[in-house]
C-alpha atoms as a PDB file:
ATOM      1  CA  UNK A   1      12.312  41.926  44.835  1.00  0.00           C
ATOM      2  CA  UNK A   2       9.327  41.144  42.622  1.00  0.00           C
ATOM      3  CA  UNK A   3      10.345  39.100  39.519  1.00  0.00           C
ATOM      4  CA  UNK A   4       6.929  39.396  37.818  1.00  0.00           C
ATOM      5  CA  UNK A   5       6.467  42.269  35.390  1.00  0.00           C
ATOM      6  CA  UNK A   6       3.100  43.269  33.913  1.00  0.00           C
ATOM      7  CA  UNK A   7       2.609  43.164  30.154  1.00  0.00           C
ATOM      8  CA  UNK A   8       0.396  45.445  28.048  1.00  0.00           C
ATOM      9  CA  UNK A   9      -2.774  43.642  29.203  1.00  0.00           C
ATOM     10  CA  UNK A  10      -1.823  43.776  32.863  1.00  0.00           C
ATOM     11  CA  UNK A  11      -0.845  40.099  33.107  1.00  0.00           C
ATOM     12  CA  UNK A  12       2.239  39.286  35.097  1.00  0.00           C
ATOM     13  CA  UNK A  13       4.968  37.151  33.490  1.00  0.00           C
ATOM     14  CA  UNK A  14       8.291  35.964  34.831  1.00  0.00           C
ATOM     15  CA  UNK A  15      11.209  38.040  33.607  1.00  0.00           C
ATOM     16  CA  UNK A  16      12.294  36.849  30.119  1.00  0.00           C
ATOM     17  CA  UNK A  17       8.997  35.084  29.313  1.00  0.00           C
ATOM     18  CA  UNK A  18       7.515  38.069  27.453  1.00  0.00           C
ATOM     19  CA  UNK A  19       9.415  37.366  24.232  1.00  0.00           C
ATOM     20  CA  UNK A  20       8.484  33.676  24.128  1.00  0.00           C
ATOM     21  CA  UNK A  21       4.793  34.130  23.290  1.00  0.00           C
ATOM     22  CA  UNK A  22       5.217  33.379  19.567  1.00  0.00           C
ATOM     23  CA  UNK A  23       7.941  30.777  19.935  1.00  0.00           C
ATOM     24  CA  UNK A  24       5.535  27.819  20.105  1.00  0.00           C
ATOM     25  CA  UNK A  25       3.775  29.027  16.957  1.00  0.00           C
ATOM     26  CA  UNK A  26       7.039  29.301  15.041  1.00  0.00           C
ATOM     27  CA  UNK A  27       8.188  25.852  16.199  1.00  0.00           C
ATOM     28  CA  UNK A  28       4.826  24.379  15.215  1.00  0.00           C
ATOM     29  CA  UNK A  29       5.060  25.990  11.766  1.00  0.00           C
ATOM     30  CA  UNK A  30       8.531  24.530  11.277  1.00  0.00           C
ATOM     31  CA  UNK A  31       7.639  20.998  12.414  1.00  0.00           C
ATOM     32  CA  UNK A  32       4.174  20.719  10.792  1.00  0.00           C
ATOM     33  CA  UNK A  33       5.412  19.959   7.219  1.00  0.00           C
ATOM     34  CA  UNK A  34       7.651  17.170   8.522  1.00  0.00           C
ATOM     35  CA  UNK A  35       4.837  15.620  10.535  1.00  0.00           C
ATOM     36  CA  UNK A  36       2.452  15.891   7.568  1.00  0.00           C
ATOM     37  CA  UNK A  37       5.018  14.240   5.285  1.00  0.00           C
ATOM     38  CA  UNK A  38       5.511  11.424   7.795  1.00  0.00           C
ATOM     39  CA  UNK A  39       1.750  10.813   8.038  1.00  0.00           C
ATOM     40  CA  UNK A  40       1.316  10.807   4.239  1.00  0.00           C
ATOM     41  CA  UNK A  41       4.230   8.369   3.931  1.00  0.00           C
ATOM     42  CA  UNK A  42       2.743   6.006   6.509  1.00  0.00           C
ATOM     43  CA  UNK A  43      -0.656   6.072   4.794  1.00  0.00           C
ATOM     44  CA  UNK A  44       0.970   5.356   1.415  1.00  0.00           C
ATOM     45  CA  UNK A  45       2.984   2.409   2.785  1.00  0.00           C
ATOM     46  CA  UNK A  46      -0.196   0.990   4.349  1.00  0.00           C
ATOM     47  CA  UNK A  47      -2.048   1.406   1.032  1.00  0.00           C
ATOM     48  CA  UNK A  48       0.711  -0.370  -0.903  1.00  0.00           C
ATOM     49  CA  UNK A  49       0.715  -3.178   1.670  1.00  0.00           C
ATOM     50  CA  UNK A  50      -3.028  -3.646   1.269  1.00  0.00           C
ATOM     51  CA  UNK A  51      -2.700  -3.695  -2.526  1.00  0.00           C
ATOM     52  CA  UNK A  52       0.080  -6.303  -2.301  1.00  0.00           C
ATOM     53  CA  UNK A  53      -2.131  -8.510  -0.129  1.00  0.00           C
ATOM     54  CA  UNK A  54      -4.940  -8.132  -2.695  1.00  0.00           C
ATOM     55  CA  UNK A  55      -2.495  -9.105  -5.462  1.00  0.00           C
ATOM     56  CA  UNK A  56      -1.456 -12.252  -3.564  1.00  0.00           C
ATOM     57  CA  UNK A  57      -5.119 -13.142  -3.001  1.00  0.00           C
ATOM     58  CA  UNK A  58      -5.819 -12.643  -6.706  1.00  0.00           C
ATOM     59  CA  UNK A  59      -2.942 -14.954  -7.675  1.00  0.00           C
ATOM     60  CA  UNK A  60      -4.198 -17.604  -5.267  1.00  0.00           C
ATOM     61  CA  UNK A  61      -7.746 -17.361  -6.634  1.00  0.00           C
ATOM     62  CA  UNK A  62      -6.455 -17.573 -10.202  1.00  0.00           C
ATOM     63  CA  UNK A  63      -4.345 -20.642  -9.423  1.00  0.00           C
ATOM     64  CA  UNK A  64      -7.280 -22.329  -7.742  1.00  0.00           C
ATOM     65  CA  UNK A  65      -9.481 -21.688 -10.761  1.00  0.00           C
ATOM     66  CA  UNK A  66      -6.756 -22.836 -13.171  1.00  0.00           C
ATOM     67  CA  UNK A  67      -6.223 -26.037 -11.156  1.00  0.00           C
ATOM     68  CA  UNK A  68      -9.824 -26.983 -11.849  1.00  0.00           C
ATOM     69  CA  UNK A  69     -10.054 -25.623 -15.418  1.00  0.00           C
ATOM     70  CA  UNK A  70      -6.714 -25.003 -17.185  1.00  0.00           C
ATOM     71  CA  UNK A  71      -8.018 -22.417 -19.656  1.00  0.00           C
ATOM     72  CA  UNK A  72      -6.248 -19.040 -19.139  1.00  0.00           C
ATOM     73  CA  UNK A  73      -9.524 -17.138 -19.487  1.00  0.00           C
ATOM     74  CA  UNK A  74     -10.877 -18.908 -16.394  1.00  0.00           C
ATOM     75  CA  UNK A  75      -7.851 -17.837 -14.344  1.00  0.00           C
ATOM     76  CA  UNK A  76      -8.139 -14.277 -15.692  1.00  0.00           C
ATOM     77  CA  UNK A  77     -11.792 -14.110 -14.691  1.00  0.00           C
ATOM     78  CA  UNK A  78     -11.026 -15.436 -11.196  1.00  0.00           C
ATOM     79  CA  UNK A  79      -8.245 -12.874 -10.737  1.00  0.00           C
ATOM     80  CA  UNK A  80     -10.462 -10.001 -11.894  1.00  0.00           C
ATOM     81  CA  UNK A  81     -13.136 -11.181  -9.455  1.00  0.00           C
ATOM     82  CA  UNK A  82     -10.742 -10.474  -6.590  1.00  0.00           C
ATOM     83  CA  UNK A  83      -8.920  -7.369  -7.828  1.00  0.00           C
ATOM     84  CA  UNK A  84      -8.346  -5.318 -10.942  1.00  0.00           C
ATOM     85  CA  UNK A  85      -4.916  -6.670 -11.809  1.00  0.00           C
ATOM     86  CA  UNK A  86      -2.888  -5.462 -14.740  1.00  0.00           C
ATOM     87  CA  UNK A  87      -1.747  -8.732 -16.302  1.00  0.00           C
ATOM     88  CA  UNK A  88      -2.203 -12.417 -15.572  1.00  0.00           C
ATOM     89  CA  UNK A  89       0.106 -15.148 -16.837  1.00  0.00           C
ATOM     90  CA  UNK A  90      -0.843 -18.816 -16.548  1.00  0.00           C
ATOM     91  CA  UNK A  91       1.782 -21.526 -17.001  1.00  0.00           C
ATOM     92  CA  UNK A  92       1.441 -25.274 -16.634  1.00  0.00           C
ATOM     93  CA  UNK A  93       4.069 -27.861 -15.857  1.00  0.00           C
ATOM     94  CA  UNK A  94       3.643 -31.185 -17.618  1.00  0.00           C
ATOM     95  CA  UNK A  95       4.933 -34.406 -16.085  1.00  0.00           C
ATOM     96  CA  UNK A  96       4.249 -37.910 -17.384  1.00  0.00           C
ATOM     97  CA  UNK A  97       2.219 -36.602 -20.323  1.00  0.00           C
ATOM     98  CA  UNK A  98      -0.378 -34.674 -18.312  1.00  0.00           C
ATOM     99  CA  UNK A  99      -0.272 -31.270 -16.637  1.00  0.00           C
ATOM    100  CA  UNK A 100       0.603 -31.610 -12.956  1.00  0.00           C
ATOM    101  CA  UNK A 101       1.115 -28.036 -11.736  1.00  0.00           C
ATOM    102  CA  UNK A 102      -0.361 -24.721 -12.730  1.00  0.00           C
ATOM    103  CA  UNK A 103       1.198 -21.364 -11.822  1.00  0.00           C
ATOM    104  CA  UNK A 104      -0.587 -18.045 -12.007  1.00  0.00           C
ATOM    105  CA  UNK A 105       1.491 -14.870 -11.904  1.00  0.00           C
ATOM    106  CA  UNK A 106      -0.288 -11.553 -11.355  1.00  0.00           C
ATOM    107  CA  UNK A 107       1.440  -8.241 -12.042  1.00  0.00           C
ATOM    108  CA  UNK A 108      -0.099  -4.836 -11.501  1.00  0.00           C
ATOM    109  CA  UNK A 109       1.207  -1.297 -11.661  1.00  0.00           C
ATOM    110  CA  UNK A 110       0.212   1.040  -8.827  1.00  0.00           C
ATOM    111  CA  UNK A 111       0.888   4.766  -8.841  1.00  0.00           C
ATOM    112  CA  UNK A 112       2.339   6.391  -5.750  1.00  0.00           C
ATOM    113  CA  UNK A 113       0.226   9.250  -4.426  1.00  0.00           C
ATOM    114  CA  UNK A 114      -2.325   8.949  -7.237  1.00  0.00           C
ATOM    115  CA  UNK A 115      -3.559  12.525  -6.943  1.00  0.00           C
ATOM    116  CA  UNK A 116      -0.090  13.932  -7.624  1.00  0.00           C
ATOM    117  CA  UNK A 117       0.777  11.710 -10.585  1.00  0.00           C
ATOM    118  CA  UNK A 118       4.064  10.466  -9.152  1.00  0.00           C
ATOM    119  CA  UNK A 119       5.897   7.364 -10.327  1.00  0.00           C
ATOM    120  CA  UNK A 120       4.437   3.899 -10.170  1.00  0.00           C
ATOM    121  CA  UNK A 121       5.420   0.653  -8.474  1.00  0.00           C
ATOM    122  CA  UNK A 122       4.950  -2.823  -9.948  1.00  0.00           C
ATOM    123  CA  UNK A 123       3.432  -5.334  -7.538  1.00  0.00           C
ATOM    124  CA  UNK A 124       3.793  -9.009  -8.365  1.00  0.00           C
ATOM    125  CA  UNK A 125       2.568 -12.260  -6.844  1.00  0.00           C
ATOM    126  CA  UNK A 126       2.438 -15.844  -7.978  1.00  0.00           C
ATOM    127  CA  UNK A 127       0.745 -18.992  -6.793  1.00  0.00           C
ATOM    128  CA  UNK A 128       1.249 -22.615  -7.811  1.00  0.00           C
ATOM    129  CA  UNK A 129      -1.246 -25.429  -7.286  1.00  0.00           C
ATOM    130  CA  UNK A 130      -1.601 -29.022  -8.356  1.00  0.00           C
ATOM    131  CA  UNK A 131      -3.958 -29.668 -11.250  1.00  0.00           C
ATOM    132  CA  UNK A 132      -7.015 -31.618 -10.161  1.00  0.00           C
ATOM    133  CA  UNK A 133      -7.782 -34.605 -12.289  1.00  0.00           C
ATOM    134  CA  UNK A 134     -11.285 -34.879 -13.645  1.00  0.00           C
ATOM    135  CA  UNK A 135     -12.113 -38.482 -13.451  1.00  0.00           C
END
């Protein structure tokens, strides 16, 4: 007994396979939005990770500049040379009458999926260094 039946174009298919021609297309159409959402999510997490690393680098550069010159404007300029951070806060710790440590805290607000105007996330990093004595 021959199990292959011809279709309209004369091709022979196993019995029951004739109705499965569009099944792969339907499954693809159902899974595609989930896969696209997963890819967009992974790209966004990678972007936020890169921006956090840039924020940490900016805090380190600001602390290094403030360790040499304690003026807040110098730290701000060093931070802006690395990344466009939102706000920079410079604090100094004084021991024995002279500043011994300087801390630079960098905070920036980053929007999620910038093209869609979704909510934003605040990224923050700080770095502390010893003040170098000039003398």
